[in-house]
C-alpha atoms as a PDB file:
ATOM      1  CA  MET A   1       6.229 -37.842  10.028  1.00  0.00           C
ATOM      2  CA  ALA A   2       4.790 -35.013  12.137  1.00  0.00           C
ATOM      3  CA  ALA A   3       2.770 -32.245  10.566  1.00  0.00           C
ATOM      4  CA  LEU A   4       3.083 -28.615  11.561  1.00  0.00           C
ATOM      5  CA  TYR A   5      -0.051 -26.521  11.597  1.00  0.00           C
ATOM      6  CA  LEU A   6       0.266 -22.812  12.153  1.00  0.00           C
ATOM      7  CA  VAL A   7      -2.737 -21.053  13.552  1.00  0.00           C
ATOM      8  CA  GLY A   8      -2.533 -17.321  13.581  1.00  0.00           C
ATOM      9  CA  GLY A   9      -4.129 -14.141  12.419  1.00  0.00           C
ATOM     10  CA  GLN A  10      -6.822 -13.929   9.872  1.00  0.00           C
ATOM     11  CA  VAL A  11      -5.719 -14.702   6.320  1.00  0.00           C
ATOM     12  CA  ALA A  12      -6.864 -12.138   3.798  1.00  0.00           C
ATOM     13  CA  LEU A  13      -8.663 -13.762   0.913  1.00  0.00           C
ATOM     14  CA  PRO A  14      -8.017 -12.505  -2.599  1.00  0.00           C
ATOM     15  CA  PRO A  15     -10.727 -10.242  -3.960  1.00  0.00           C
ATOM     16  CA  SER A  16     -13.537 -12.081  -5.663  1.00  0.00           C
ATOM     17  CA  ILE A  17     -14.871 -10.719  -8.930  1.00  0.00           C
ATOM     18  CA  LEU A  18     -18.269 -11.962  -7.772  1.00  0.00           C
ATOM     19  CA  ALA A  19     -18.291  -9.758  -4.656  1.00  0.00           C
ATOM     20  CA  ASP A  20     -20.753  -6.884  -4.765  1.00  0.00           C
ATOM     21  CA  ASP A  21     -18.088  -4.304  -3.891  1.00  0.00           C
ATOM     22  CA  PHE A  22     -15.439  -5.557  -6.358  1.00  0.00           C
ATOM     23  CA  PRO A  23     -16.310  -3.189  -9.255  1.00  0.00           C
ATOM     24  CA  ALA A  24     -16.144  -0.139  -6.946  1.00  0.00           C
ATOM     25  CA  LYS A  25     -12.823  -1.262  -5.428  1.00  0.00           C
ATOM     26  CA  LEU A  26     -11.328  -2.008  -8.844  1.00  0.00           C
ATOM     27  CA  SER A  27     -12.486   1.359 -10.166  1.00  0.00           C
ATOM     28  CA  ALA A  28     -10.959   3.234  -7.190  1.00  0.00           C
ATOM     29  CA  PHE A  29      -7.698   1.293  -7.571  1.00  0.00           C
ATOM     30  CA  ASN A  30      -7.473   1.952 -11.317  1.00  0.00           C
ATOM     31  CA  ASP A  31      -8.477   5.630 -11.002  1.00  0.00           C
ATOM     32  CA  LEU A  32      -5.844   6.318  -8.353  1.00  0.00           C
ATOM     33  CA  THR A  33      -3.192   4.429 -10.333  1.00  0.00           C
ATOM     34  CA  ARG A  34      -4.017   6.516 -13.395  1.00  0.00           C
ATOM     35  CA  GLU A  35      -3.883   9.789 -11.412  1.00  0.00           C
ATOM     36  CA  LEU A  36      -0.561   8.863  -9.797  1.00  0.00           C
ATOM     37  CA  ARG A  37       0.958   8.206 -13.222  1.00  0.00           C
ATOM     38  CA  GLN A  38      -0.477  11.428 -14.658  1.00  0.00           C
ATOM     39  CA  ALA A  39       1.053  13.361 -11.744  1.00  0.00           C
ATOM     40  CA  GLY A  40       4.474  11.893 -12.622  1.00  0.00           C
ATOM     41  CA  ILE A  41       4.688   9.664  -9.545  1.00  0.00           C
ATOM     42  CA  GLY A  42       6.747   6.548 -10.156  1.00  0.00           C
ATOM     43  CA  ILE A  43       4.870   3.323  -9.454  1.00  0.00           C
ATOM     44  CA  LYS A  44       6.978   0.392  -8.324  1.00  0.00           C
ATOM     45  CA  HIS A  45       4.337  -2.347  -7.810  1.00  0.00           C
ATOM     46  CA  LEU A  46       0.574  -2.728  -8.100  1.00  0.00           C
ATOM     47  CA  VAL A  47      -0.939  -5.318  -5.737  1.00  0.00           C
ATOM     48  CA  LEU A  48      -4.667  -5.468  -6.409  1.00  0.00           C
ATOM     49  CA  ALA A  49      -5.148  -8.437  -4.066  1.00  0.00           C
ATOM     50  CA  ASP A  50      -3.965  -6.251  -1.151  1.00  0.00           C
ATOM     51  CA  ASN A  51      -5.508  -3.050  -2.552  1.00  0.00           C
ATOM     52  CA  LYS A  52      -2.036  -1.505  -2.382  1.00  0.00           C
ATOM     53  CA  ILE A  53       0.050   0.631  -4.733  1.00  0.00           C
ATOM     54  CA  PHE A  54       3.781   0.848  -4.032  1.00  0.00           C
ATOM     55  CA  ILE A  55       5.442   4.038  -5.219  1.00  0.00           C
ATOM     56  CA  GLU A  56       9.098   4.860  -5.809  1.00  0.00           C
ATOM     57  CA  PRO A  57      10.791   6.464  -2.787  1.00  0.00           C
ATOM     58  CA  SER A  58      11.991   9.262  -5.071  1.00  0.00           C
ATOM     59  CA  SER A  59       8.335  10.174  -5.784  1.00  0.00           C
ATOM     60  CA  VAL A  60       7.203  10.506  -2.155  1.00  0.00           C
ATOM     61  CA  GLU A  61       7.646  14.285  -1.970  1.00  0.00           C
ATOM     62  CA  LEU A  62       5.658  14.790  -5.175  1.00  0.00           C
ATOM     63  CA  PHE A  63       3.000  12.341  -3.939  1.00  0.00           C
ATOM     64  CA  LEU A  64       2.629  14.233  -0.644  1.00  0.00           C
ATOM     65  CA  ARG A  65       2.342  17.586  -2.433  1.00  0.00           C
ATOM     66  CA  ARG A  66      -0.261  16.295  -4.880  1.00  0.00           C
ATOM     67  CA  PHE A  67      -2.319  14.009  -2.613  1.00  0.00           C
ATOM     68  CA  GLY A  68      -1.418  15.210   0.909  1.00  0.00           C
ATOM     69  CA  HIS A  69      -4.880  16.651   1.541  1.00  0.00           C
ATOM     70  CA  GLU A  70      -6.423  13.195   0.919  1.00  0.00           C
ATOM     71  CA  LEU A  71      -4.199  11.124   3.248  1.00  0.00           C
ATOM     72  CA  ARG A  72      -5.914   8.907   5.801  1.00  0.00           C
ATOM     73  CA  GLY A  73      -4.683   6.159   8.110  1.00  0.00           C
ATOM     74  CA  ILE A  74      -0.938   6.796   8.154  1.00  0.00           C
ATOM     75  CA  ARG A  75       0.952   3.674   9.282  1.00  0.00           C
ATOM     76  CA  TYR A  76       4.593   2.673   9.682  1.00  0.00           C
ATOM     77  CA  SER A  77       5.862  -0.886  10.068  1.00  0.00           C
ATOM     78  CA  PRO A  78       9.559  -1.797  10.323  1.00  0.00           C
ATOM     79  CA  ARG A  79      10.668  -4.762   8.245  1.00  0.00           C
ATOM     80  CA  GLY A  80      14.318  -5.534   8.838  1.00  0.00           C
ATOM     81  CA  ARG A  81      16.437  -2.626   7.632  1.00  0.00           C
ATOM     82  CA  PHE A  82      13.432  -0.918   6.044  1.00  0.00           C
ATOM     83  CA  THR A  83      10.222   0.739   7.153  1.00  0.00           C
ATOM     84  CA  CYS A  84       7.069   0.286   5.097  1.00  0.00           C
ATOM     85  CA  ASN A  85       5.209   3.618   5.124  1.00  0.00           C
ATOM     86  CA  THR A  86       1.542   3.266   4.191  1.00  0.00           C
ATOM     87  CA  VAL A  87      -1.215   5.826   3.791  1.00  0.00           C
ATOM     88  CA  THR A  88      -4.757   5.442   2.557  1.00  0.00           C
ATOM     89  CA  VAL A  89      -6.021   7.624  -0.284  1.00  0.00           C
ATOM     90  CA  ARG A  90      -9.608   7.081  -1.489  1.00  0.00           C
ATOM     91  CA  ASN A  91      -9.760   3.671   0.231  1.00  0.00           C
ATOM     92  CA  VAL A  92      -6.603   2.479  -1.551  1.00  0.00           C
ATOM     93  CA  ASP A  93      -3.323   1.973   0.313  1.00  0.00           C
ATOM     94  CA  VAL A  94      -0.261   3.723  -1.081  1.00  0.00           C
ATOM     95  CA  ALA A  95       3.065   2.485   0.309  1.00  0.00           C
ATOM     96  CA  TRP A  96       6.792   3.059  -0.013  1.00  0.00           C
ATOM     97  CA  TYR A  97       9.903   1.801   1.745  1.00  0.00           C
ATOM     98  CA  THR A  98      12.506   3.894   3.564  1.00  0.00           C
ATOM     99  CA  LEU A  99      15.635   2.859   5.430  1.00  0.00           C
ATOM    100  CA  VAL A 100      15.140   2.454   9.168  1.00  0.00           C
ATOM    101  CA  LYS A 101      16.744   5.354  10.997  1.00  0.00           C
ATOM    102  CA  GLU A 102      19.290   4.556  13.700  1.00  0.00           C
ATOM    103  CA  GLN A 103      17.079   5.948  16.508  1.00  0.00           C
ATOM    104  CA  ASP A 104      14.240   3.623  15.385  1.00  0.00           C
ATOM    105  CA  HIS A 105      16.267   0.555  16.458  1.00  0.00           C
ATOM    106  CA  GLU A 106      15.720   1.109  20.185  1.00  0.00           C
END
């Protein structure tokens, strides 16, 4: 039986609690999560391994008003019928999904 080996991009390793920067990353992740909740922003998923917080699409406007001055690294990536919108706030990625607009299909 033949084996299939896929060689591709770099695989991100899960964060190690032994890494020197882990406590700082965990603290930033937890602090931002706490502040998002205190601001009334709905959190959909927390993915510590990817350093990413997914927020509810209905909370995006509130998120942008509250944290807009801290946004860095704005990225958009289409995934089927949806676009994953990601911004970086205090070295933590905050993401949400929106429907792909018709003009984006070109």
